[in-house]
Amino acid sequence: MQDDKEKILQLNRCLGQIIKDIRNDKNFKSLNIFALENGINRANLSKIENGQVGCSIITAWRISEALGLKLSDVIKILENKLGDDFKLIEE
């Protein structure tokens, strides 16, 4: 059970870092302005970017669109960063 929690934490941290990196690379203003301009809760976005919480598919979709990407593109980046051996469910 603990292993599952660690994997979820790893996934959350990785996704948050991807979102933060893309937002910074695209030279969006501050997290506060980005969140406000795109109708995203600032506190929640901060927690997502810092890997403290996961996000719903709707929130991930909204963030992806705000970054100018498809959600599937963000997921592909996530899969590449986590690697082929990352699995939430052990076989």
PDB file of N, CA and C in Angstrom:
ATOM      1  N   MET A   1       0.816  -1.196   0.000  1.00  0.00           N
ATOM      2  CA  MET A   1       0.000   0.000   0.000  1.00  0.00           C
ATOM      3  C   MET A   1       0.865   1.267   0.000  1.00  0.00           C
ATOM      4  N   GLN A   2       1.908   1.284   0.782  1.00  0.00           N
ATOM      5  CA  GLN A   2       2.800   2.434   0.834  1.00  0.00           C
ATOM      6  C   GLN A   2       3.430   2.694  -0.531  1.00  0.00           C
ATOM      7  N   ASP A   3       3.733   1.626  -1.255  1.00  0.00           N
ATOM      8  CA  ASP A   3       4.327   1.770  -2.577  1.00  0.00           C
ATOM      9  C   ASP A   3       3.393   2.523  -3.506  1.00  0.00           C
ATOM     10  N   ASP A   4       2.082   2.258  -3.410  1.00  0.00           N
ATOM     11  CA  ASP A   4       1.092   2.961  -4.222  1.00  0.00           C
ATOM     12  C   ASP A   4       1.114   4.453  -3.920  1.00  0.00           C
ATOM     13  N   LYS A   5       1.182   4.811  -2.653  1.00  0.00           N
ATOM     14  CA  LYS A   5       1.209   6.219  -2.262  1.00  0.00           C
ATOM     15  C   LYS A   5       2.456   6.906  -2.808  1.00  0.00           C
ATOM     16  N   GLU A   6       3.581   6.220  -2.776  1.00  0.00           N
ATOM     17  CA  GLU A   6       4.825   6.789  -3.296  1.00  0.00           C
ATOM     18  C   GLU A   6       4.746   7.006  -4.799  1.00  0.00           C
ATOM     19  N   LYS A   7       4.130   6.066  -5.505  1.00  0.00           N
ATOM     20  CA  LYS A   7       3.986   6.207  -6.960  1.00  0.00           C
ATOM     21  C   LYS A   7       3.065   7.365  -7.313  1.00  0.00           C
ATOM     22  N   ILE A   8       1.976   7.503  -6.579  1.00  0.00           N
ATOM     23  CA  ILE A   8       1.052   8.611  -6.824  1.00  0.00           C
ATOM     24  C   ILE A   8       1.742   9.936  -6.529  1.00  0.00           C
ATOM     25  N   LEU A   9       2.507   9.985  -5.461  1.00  0.00           N
ATOM     26  CA  LEU A   9       3.261  11.186  -5.126  1.00  0.00           C
ATOM     27  C   LEU A   9       4.267  11.507  -6.231  1.00  0.00           C
ATOM     28  N   GLN A  10       4.953  10.496  -6.738  1.00  0.00           N
ATOM     29  CA  GLN A  10       5.910  10.684  -7.828  1.00  0.00           C
ATOM     30  C   GLN A  10       5.202  11.238  -9.067  1.00  0.00           C
ATOM     31  N   LEU A  11       4.044  10.680  -9.402  1.00  0.00           N
ATOM     32  CA  LEU A  11       3.273  11.137 -10.553  1.00  0.00           C
ATOM     33  C   LEU A  11       2.836  12.589 -10.351  1.00  0.00           C
ATOM     34  N   ASN A  12       2.316  12.917  -9.182  1.00  0.00           N
ATOM     35  CA  ASN A  12       1.880  14.288  -8.894  1.00  0.00           C
ATOM     36  C   ASN A  12       3.036  15.271  -8.998  1.00  0.00           C
ATOM     37  N   ARG A  13       4.183  14.907  -8.441  1.00  0.00           N
ATOM     38  CA  ARG A  13       5.352  15.793  -8.497  1.00  0.00           C
ATOM     39  C   ARG A  13       5.815  16.006  -9.934  1.00  0.00           C
ATOM     40  N   CYS A  14       5.838  14.935 -10.696  1.00  0.00           N
ATOM     41  CA  CYS A  14       6.284  15.021 -12.082  1.00  0.00           C
ATOM     42  C   CYS A  14       5.335  15.883 -12.906  1.00  0.00           C
ATOM     43  N   LEU A  15       4.032  15.661 -12.776  1.00  0.00           N
ATOM     44  CA  LEU A  15       3.058  16.464 -13.513  1.00  0.00           C
ATOM     45  C   LEU A  15       3.157  17.926 -13.100  1.00  0.00           C
ATOM     46  N   GLY A  16       3.265  18.180 -11.824  1.00  0.00           N
ATOM     47  CA  GLY A  16       3.388  19.558 -11.348  1.00  0.00           C
ATOM     48  C   GLY A  16       4.619  20.252 -11.904  1.00  0.00           C
ATOM     49  N   GLN A  17       5.727  19.536 -11.950  1.00  0.00           N
ATOM     50  CA  GLN A  17       6.965  20.117 -12.474  1.00  0.00           C
ATOM     51  C   GLN A  17       6.834  20.402 -13.967  1.00  0.00           C
ATOM     52  N   ILE A  18       6.174  19.514 -14.693  1.00  0.00           N
ATOM     53  CA  ILE A  18       5.950  19.729 -16.125  1.00  0.00           C
ATOM     54  C   ILE A  18       5.127  20.993 -16.346  1.00  0.00           C
ATOM     55  N   ILE A  19       4.045  21.124 -15.603  1.00  0.00           N
ATOM     56  CA  ILE A  19       3.183  22.305 -15.734  1.00  0.00           C
ATOM     57  C   ILE A  19       3.967  23.571 -15.416  1.00  0.00           C
ATOM     58  N   LYS A  20       4.714  23.548 -14.326  1.00  0.00           N
ATOM     59  CA  LYS A  20       5.503  24.714 -13.924  1.00  0.00           C
ATOM     60  C   LYS A  20       6.555  25.050 -14.990  1.00  0.00           C
ATOM     61  N   ASP A  21       7.244  24.041 -15.493  1.00  0.00           N
ATOM     62  CA  ASP A  21       8.280  24.269 -16.504  1.00  0.00           C
ATOM     63  C   ASP A  21       7.697  24.862 -17.782  1.00  0.00           C
ATOM     64  N   ILE A  22       6.585  24.308 -18.242  1.00  0.00           N
ATOM     65  CA  ILE A  22       5.966  24.832 -19.463  1.00  0.00           C
ATOM     66  C   ILE A  22       5.498  26.263 -19.243  1.00  0.00           C
ATOM     67  N   ARG A  23       4.862  26.516 -18.116  1.00  0.00           N
ATOM     68  CA  ARG A  23       4.396  27.872 -17.818  1.00  0.00           C
ATOM     69  C   ARG A  23       5.554  28.851 -17.795  1.00  0.00           C
ATOM     70  N   ASN A  24       6.659  28.468 -17.186  1.00  0.00           N
ATOM     71  CA  ASN A  24       7.828  29.345 -17.125  1.00  0.00           C
ATOM     72  C   ASN A  24       8.518  29.474 -18.472  1.00  0.00           C
ATOM     73  N   ASP A  25       8.617  28.373 -19.228  1.00  0.00           N
ATOM     74  CA  ASP A  25       9.261  28.404 -20.545  1.00  0.00           C
ATOM     75  C   ASP A  25       8.511  29.289 -21.533  1.00  0.00           C
ATOM     76  N   LYS A  26       7.194  29.326 -21.398  1.00  0.00           N
ATOM     77  CA  LYS A  26       6.385  30.138 -22.307  1.00  0.00           C
ATOM     78  C   LYS A  26       6.283  31.586 -21.826  1.00  0.00           C
ATOM     79  N   ASN A  27       7.042  31.896 -20.786  1.00  0.00           N
ATOM     80  CA  ASN A  27       7.105  33.262 -20.255  1.00  0.00           C
ATOM     81  C   ASN A  27       5.748  33.842 -19.890  1.00  0.00           C
ATOM     82  N   PHE A  28       4.880  32.995 -19.323  1.00  0.00           N
ATOM     83  CA  PHE A  28       3.646  33.526 -18.777  1.00  0.00           C
ATOM     84  C   PHE A  28       4.039  34.388 -17.591  1.00  0.00           C
ATOM     85  N   LYS A  29       3.192  35.305 -17.253  1.00  0.00           N
ATOM     86  CA  LYS A  29       3.510  36.206 -16.155  1.00  0.00           C
ATOM     87  C   LYS A  29       3.688  35.394 -14.868  1.00  0.00           C
ATOM     88  N   SER A  30       3.152  35.817 -13.801  1.00  0.00           N
ATOM     89  CA  SER A  30       3.282  35.075 -12.552  1.00  0.00           C
ATOM     90  C   SER A  30       2.231  33.982 -12.476  1.00  0.00           C
ATOM     91  N   LEU A  31       2.394  33.077 -11.531  1.00  0.00           N
ATOM     92  CA  LEU A  31       1.402  32.048 -11.286  1.00  0.00           C
ATOM     93  C   LEU A  31       0.063  32.708 -10.989  1.00  0.00           C
ATOM     94  N   ASN A  32       0.069  33.774 -10.211  1.00  0.00           N
ATOM     95  CA  ASN A  32      -1.166  34.466  -9.849  1.00  0.00           C
ATOM     96  C   ASN A  32      -1.899  34.990 -11.074  1.00  0.00           C
ATOM     97  N   ILE A  33      -1.197  35.649 -11.949  1.00  0.00           N
ATOM     98  CA  ILE A  33      -1.825  36.221 -13.141  1.00  0.00           C
ATOM     99  C   ILE A  33      -2.267  35.118 -14.092  1.00  0.00           C
ATOM    100  N   PHE A  34      -1.436  34.104 -14.273  1.00  0.00           N
ATOM    101  CA  PHE A  34      -1.787  32.968 -15.131  1.00  0.00           C
ATOM    102  C   PHE A  34      -3.084  32.326 -14.652  1.00  0.00           C
ATOM    103  N   ALA A  35      -3.172  32.080 -13.353  1.00  0.00           N
ATOM    104  CA  ALA A  35      -4.366  31.454 -12.788  1.00  0.00           C
ATOM    105  C   ALA A  35      -5.589  32.356 -12.971  1.00  0.00           C
ATOM    106  N   LEU A  36      -5.450  33.626 -12.658  1.00  0.00           N
ATOM    107  CA  LEU A  36      -6.554  34.568 -12.767  1.00  0.00           C
ATOM    108  C   LEU A  36      -7.050  34.687 -14.207  1.00  0.00           C
ATOM    109  N   GLU A  37      -6.126  34.833 -15.149  1.00  0.00           N
ATOM    110  CA  GLU A  37      -6.503  35.013 -16.552  1.00  0.00           C
ATOM    111  C   GLU A  37      -7.161  33.773 -17.150  1.00  0.00           C
ATOM    112  N   ASN A  38      -6.932  32.605 -16.539  1.00  0.00           N
ATOM    113  CA  ASN A  38      -7.436  31.359 -17.112  1.00  0.00           C
ATOM    114  C   ASN A  38      -8.487  30.668 -16.254  1.00  0.00           C
ATOM    115  N   GLY A  39      -8.968  31.356 -15.234  1.00  0.00           N
ATOM    116  CA  GLY A  39     -10.040  30.813 -14.406  1.00  0.00           C
ATOM    117  C   GLY A  39      -9.646  29.586 -13.606  1.00  0.00           C
ATOM    118  N   ILE A  40      -8.387  29.562 -13.192  1.00  0.00           N
ATOM    119  CA  ILE A  40      -7.869  28.445 -12.402  1.00  0.00           C
ATOM    120  C   ILE A  40      -7.616  28.951 -10.983  1.00  0.00           C
ATOM    121  N   ASN A  41      -8.031  28.177  -9.997  1.00  0.00           N
ATOM    122  CA  ASN A  41      -7.808  28.565  -8.614  1.00  0.00           C
ATOM    123  C   ASN A  41      -6.307  28.659  -8.346  1.00  0.00           C
ATOM    124  N   ARG A  42      -5.847  29.842  -7.923  1.00  0.00           N
ATOM    125  CA  ARG A  42      -4.425  30.091  -7.728  1.00  0.00           C
ATOM    126  C   ARG A  42      -3.802  29.167  -6.692  1.00  0.00           C
ATOM    127  N   ALA A  43      -4.467  29.005  -5.568  1.00  0.00           N
ATOM    128  CA  ALA A  43      -3.919  28.158  -4.501  1.00  0.00           C
ATOM    129  C   ALA A  43      -3.821  26.711  -4.964  1.00  0.00           C
ATOM    130  N   ASN A  44      -4.839  26.253  -5.667  1.00  0.00           N
ATOM    131  CA  ASN A  44      -4.833  24.886  -6.172  1.00  0.00           C
ATOM    132  C   ASN A  44      -3.725  24.697  -7.207  1.00  0.00           C
ATOM    133  N   LEU A  45      -3.565  25.672  -8.108  1.00  0.00           N
ATOM    134  CA  LEU A  45      -2.503  25.581  -9.116  1.00  0.00           C
ATOM    135  C   LEU A  45      -1.132  25.539  -8.452  1.00  0.00           C
ATOM    136  N   SER A  46      -0.935  26.333  -7.435  1.00  0.00           N
ATOM    137  CA  SER A  46       0.340  26.332  -6.708  1.00  0.00           C
ATOM    138  C   SER A  46       0.611  24.953  -6.104  1.00  0.00           C
ATOM    139  N   LYS A  47      -0.407  24.364  -5.495  1.00  0.00           N
ATOM    140  CA  LYS A  47      -0.246  23.030  -4.901  1.00  0.00           C
ATOM    141  C   LYS A  47       0.023  21.973  -5.969  1.00  0.00           C
ATOM    142  N   ILE A  48      -0.642  22.095  -7.112  1.00  0.00           N
ATOM    143  CA  ILE A  48      -0.412  21.147  -8.211  1.00  0.00           C
ATOM    144  C   ILE A  48       1.026  21.276  -8.702  1.00  0.00           C
ATOM    145  N   GLU A  49       1.459  22.497  -8.957  1.00  0.00           N
ATOM    146  CA  GLU A  49       2.821  22.717  -9.463  1.00  0.00           C
ATOM    147  C   GLU A  49       3.883  22.238  -8.485  1.00  0.00           C
ATOM    148  N   ASN A  50       3.585  22.269  -7.214  1.00  0.00           N
ATOM    149  CA  ASN A  50       4.542  21.822  -6.201  1.00  0.00           C
ATOM    150  C   ASN A  50       4.374  20.348  -5.842  1.00  0.00           C
ATOM    151  N   GLY A  51       3.502  19.651  -6.557  1.00  0.00           N
ATOM    152  CA  GLY A  51       3.319  18.216  -6.346  1.00  0.00           C
ATOM    153  C   GLY A  51       2.657  17.860  -5.030  1.00  0.00           C
ATOM    154  N   GLN A  52       1.999  18.824  -4.407  1.00  0.00           N
ATOM    155  CA  GLN A  52       1.361  18.580  -3.119  1.00  0.00           C
ATOM    156  C   GLN A  52       0.007  17.910  -3.258  1.00  0.00           C
ATOM    157  N   VAL A  53      -0.637  18.113  -4.404  1.00  0.00           N
ATOM    158  CA  VAL A  53      -1.942  17.504  -4.671  1.00  0.00           C
ATOM    159  C   VAL A  53      -1.988  17.046  -6.121  1.00  0.00           C
ATOM    160  N   GLY A  54      -2.869  16.107  -6.383  1.00  0.00           N
ATOM    161  CA  GLY A  54      -3.152  15.721  -7.751  1.00  0.00           C
ATOM    162  C   GLY A  54      -4.215  16.655  -8.299  1.00  0.00           C
ATOM    163  N   CYS A  55      -4.587  16.444  -9.532  1.00  0.00           N
ATOM    164  CA  CYS A  55      -5.651  17.274 -10.088  1.00  0.00           C
ATOM    165  C   CYS A  55      -6.615  16.416 -10.883  1.00  0.00           C
ATOM    166  N   SER A  56      -7.829  16.898 -10.966  1.00  0.00           N
ATOM    167  CA  SER A  56      -8.837  16.183 -11.740  1.00  0.00           C
ATOM    168  C   SER A  56      -8.523  16.315 -13.225  1.00  0.00           C
ATOM    169  N   ILE A  57      -9.138  15.483 -14.011  1.00  0.00           N
ATOM    170  CA  ILE A  57      -8.932  15.551 -15.456  1.00  0.00           C
ATOM    171  C   ILE A  57      -9.421  16.883 -16.008  1.00  0.00           C
ATOM    172  N   ILE A  58     -10.479  17.423 -15.427  1.00  0.00           N
ATOM    173  CA  ILE A  58     -11.003  18.708 -15.890  1.00  0.00           C
ATOM    174  C   ILE A  58      -9.999  19.821 -15.612  1.00  0.00           C
ATOM    175  N   THR A  59      -9.417  19.813 -14.429  1.00  0.00           N
ATOM    176  CA  THR A  59      -8.413  20.826 -14.094  1.00  0.00           C
ATOM    177  C   THR A  59      -7.182  20.663 -14.972  1.00  0.00           C
ATOM    178  N   ALA A  60      -6.738  19.428 -15.182  1.00  0.00           N
ATOM    179  CA  ALA A  60      -5.580  19.179 -16.049  1.00  0.00           C
ATOM    180  C   ALA A  60      -5.871  19.656 -17.470  1.00  0.00           C
ATOM    181  N   TRP A  61      -7.083  19.425 -17.949  1.00  0.00           N
ATOM    182  CA  TRP A  61      -7.468  19.862 -19.290  1.00  0.00           C
ATOM    183  C   TRP A  61      -7.436  21.387 -19.374  1.00  0.00           C
ATOM    184  N   ARG A  62      -8.019  22.043 -18.358  1.00  0.00           N
ATOM    185  CA  ARG A  62      -8.053  23.514 -18.331  1.00  0.00           C
ATOM    186  C   ARG A  62      -6.631  24.091 -18.304  1.00  0.00           C
ATOM    187  N   ILE A  63      -5.769  23.516 -17.484  1.00  0.00           N
ATOM    188  CA  ILE A  63      -4.386  24.005 -17.399  1.00  0.00           C
ATOM    189  C   ILE A  63      -3.684  23.796 -18.741  1.00  0.00           C
ATOM    190  N   SER A  64      -3.875  22.626 -19.346  1.00  0.00           N
ATOM    191  CA  SER A  64      -3.244  22.331 -20.635  1.00  0.00           C
ATOM    192  C   SER A  64      -3.669  23.346 -21.690  1.00  0.00           C
ATOM    193  N   GLU A  65      -4.977  23.614 -21.767  1.00  0.00           N
ATOM    194  CA  GLU A  65      -5.469  24.597 -22.736  1.00  0.00           C
ATOM    195  C   GLU A  65      -4.881  25.981 -22.456  1.00  0.00           C
ATOM    196  N   ALA A  66      -4.789  26.352 -21.190  1.00  0.00           N
ATOM    197  CA  ALA A  66      -4.220  27.649 -20.828  1.00  0.00           C
ATOM    198  C   ALA A  66      -2.751  27.741 -21.236  1.00  0.00           C
ATOM    199  N   LEU A  67      -2.070  26.604 -21.264  1.00  0.00           N
ATOM    200  CA  LEU A  67      -0.671  26.552 -21.686  1.00  0.00           C
ATOM    201  C   LEU A  67      -0.533  26.466 -23.200  1.00  0.00           C
ATOM    202  N   GLY A  68      -1.671  26.346 -23.895  1.00  0.00           N
ATOM    203  CA  GLY A  68      -1.644  26.260 -25.349  1.00  0.00           C
ATOM    204  C   GLY A  68      -1.356  24.868 -25.866  1.00  0.00           C
ATOM    205  N   LEU A  69      -1.626  23.858 -25.052  1.00  0.00           N
ATOM    206  CA  LEU A  69      -1.360  22.468 -25.424  1.00  0.00           C
ATOM    207  C   LEU A  69      -2.621  21.627 -25.299  1.00  0.00           C
ATOM    208  N   LYS A  70      -2.615  20.493 -25.969  1.00  0.00           N
ATOM    209  CA  LYS A  70      -3.650  19.493 -25.751  1.00  0.00           C
ATOM    210  C   LYS A  70      -3.292  18.732 -24.484  1.00  0.00           C
ATOM    211  N   LEU A  71      -4.293  18.259 -23.791  1.00  0.00           N
ATOM    212  CA  LEU A  71      -4.034  17.446 -22.606  1.00  0.00           C
ATOM    213  C   LEU A  71      -3.209  16.220 -22.979  1.00  0.00           C
ATOM    214  N   SER A  72      -3.496  15.635 -24.140  1.00  0.00           N
ATOM    215  CA  SER A  72      -2.749  14.443 -24.565  1.00  0.00           C
ATOM    216  C   SER A  72      -1.260  14.741 -24.722  1.00  0.00           C
ATOM    217  N   ASP A  73      -0.914  15.961 -25.131  1.00  0.00           N
ATOM    218  CA  ASP A  73       0.503  16.327 -25.240  1.00  0.00           C
ATOM    219  C   ASP A  73       1.168  16.370 -23.866  1.00  0.00           C
ATOM    220  N   VAL A  74       0.453  16.906 -22.893  1.00  0.00           N
ATOM    221  CA  VAL A  74       0.986  16.966 -21.529  1.00  0.00           C
ATOM    222  C   VAL A  74       1.153  15.542 -20.979  1.00  0.00           C
ATOM    223  N   ILE A  75       0.185  14.678 -21.256  1.00  0.00           N
ATOM    224  CA  ILE A  75       0.261  13.290 -20.795  1.00  0.00           C
ATOM    225  C   ILE A  75       1.445  12.579 -21.440  1.00  0.00           C
ATOM    226  N   LYS A  76       1.683  12.840 -22.720  1.00  0.00           N
ATOM    227  CA  LYS A  76       2.836  12.231 -23.399  1.00  0.00           C
ATOM    228  C   LYS A  76       4.143  12.664 -22.744  1.00  0.00           C
ATOM    229  N   ILE A  77       4.242  13.944 -22.416  1.00  0.00           N
ATOM    230  CA  ILE A  77       5.442  14.436 -21.725  1.00  0.00           C
ATOM    231  C   ILE A  77       5.589  13.727 -20.382  1.00  0.00           C
ATOM    232  N   LEU A  78       4.475  13.597 -19.664  1.00  0.00           N
ATOM    233  CA  LEU A  78       4.477  12.918 -18.367  1.00  0.00           C
ATOM    234  C   LEU A  78       4.932  11.470 -18.512  1.00  0.00           C
ATOM    235  N   GLU A  79       4.379  10.771 -19.481  1.00  0.00           N
ATOM    236  CA  GLU A  79       4.773   9.372 -19.705  1.00  0.00           C
ATOM    237  C   GLU A  79       6.256   9.258 -20.023  1.00  0.00           C
ATOM    238  N   ASN A  80       6.770  10.158 -20.843  1.00  0.00           N
ATOM    239  CA  ASN A  80       8.194  10.127 -21.191  1.00  0.00           C
ATOM    240  C   ASN A  80       9.073  10.378 -19.979  1.00  0.00           C
ATOM    241  N   LYS A  81       8.686  11.336 -19.157  1.00  0.00           N
ATOM    242  CA  LYS A  81       9.489  11.647 -17.961  1.00  0.00           C
ATOM    243  C   LYS A  81       9.462  10.522 -16.940  1.00  0.00           C
ATOM    244  N   LEU A  82       8.300   9.890 -16.781  1.00  0.00           N
ATOM    245  CA  LEU A  82       8.192   8.806 -15.800  1.00  0.00           C
ATOM    246  C   LEU A  82       8.882   7.540 -16.283  1.00  0.00           C
ATOM    247  N   GLY A  83       8.948   7.352 -17.585  1.00  0.00           N
ATOM    248  CA  GLY A  83       9.639   6.187 -18.146  1.00  0.00           C
ATOM    249  C   GLY A  83       8.709   4.999 -18.357  1.00  0.00           C
ATOM    250  N   ASP A  84       9.159   4.092 -19.183  1.00  0.00           N
ATOM    251  CA  ASP A  84       8.353   2.919 -19.544  1.00  0.00           C
ATOM    252  C   ASP A  84       8.095   1.984 -18.376  1.00  0.00           C
ATOM    253  N   ASP A  85       8.963   1.979 -17.397  1.00  0.00           N
ATOM    254  CA  ASP A  85       8.816   1.040 -16.282  1.00  0.00           C
ATOM    255  C   ASP A  85       7.874   1.547 -15.183  1.00  0.00           C
ATOM    256  N   PHE A  86       7.390   2.805 -15.295  1.00  0.00           N
ATOM    257  CA  PHE A  86       6.484   3.341 -14.285  1.00  0.00           C
ATOM    258  C   PHE A  86       5.092   2.763 -14.489  1.00  0.00           C
ATOM    259  N   LYS A  87       4.545   2.168 -13.442  1.00  0.00           N
ATOM    260  CA  LYS A  87       3.185   1.631 -13.460  1.00  0.00           C
ATOM    261  C   LYS A  87       2.543   1.879 -12.107  1.00  0.00           C
ATOM    262  N   LEU A  88       1.290   2.303 -12.139  1.00  0.00           N
ATOM    263  CA  LEU A  88       0.552   2.463 -10.887  1.00  0.00           C
ATOM    264  C   LEU A  88       0.017   1.134 -10.387  1.00  0.00           C
ATOM    265  N   ILE A  89      -0.243   0.210 -11.312  1.00  0.00           N
ATOM    266  CA  ILE A  89      -0.766  -1.097 -10.960  1.00  0.00           C
ATOM    267  C   ILE A  89       0.297  -2.138 -11.294  1.00  0.00           C
ATOM    268  N   GLU A  90       0.702  -2.860 -10.298  1.00  0.00           N
ATOM    269  CA  GLU A  90       1.692  -3.917 -10.504  1.00  0.00           C
ATOM    270  C   GLU A  90       1.010  -5.136 -11.092  1.00  0.00           C
ATOM    271  N   GLU A  91       1.663  -5.762 -12.008  1.00  0.00           N
ATOM    272  CA  GLU A  91       1.097  -6.963 -12.651  1.00  0.00           C
ATOM    273  C   GLU A  91       1.460  -8.202 -11.896  1.00  0.00           C
TER     274      GLU A  91
END
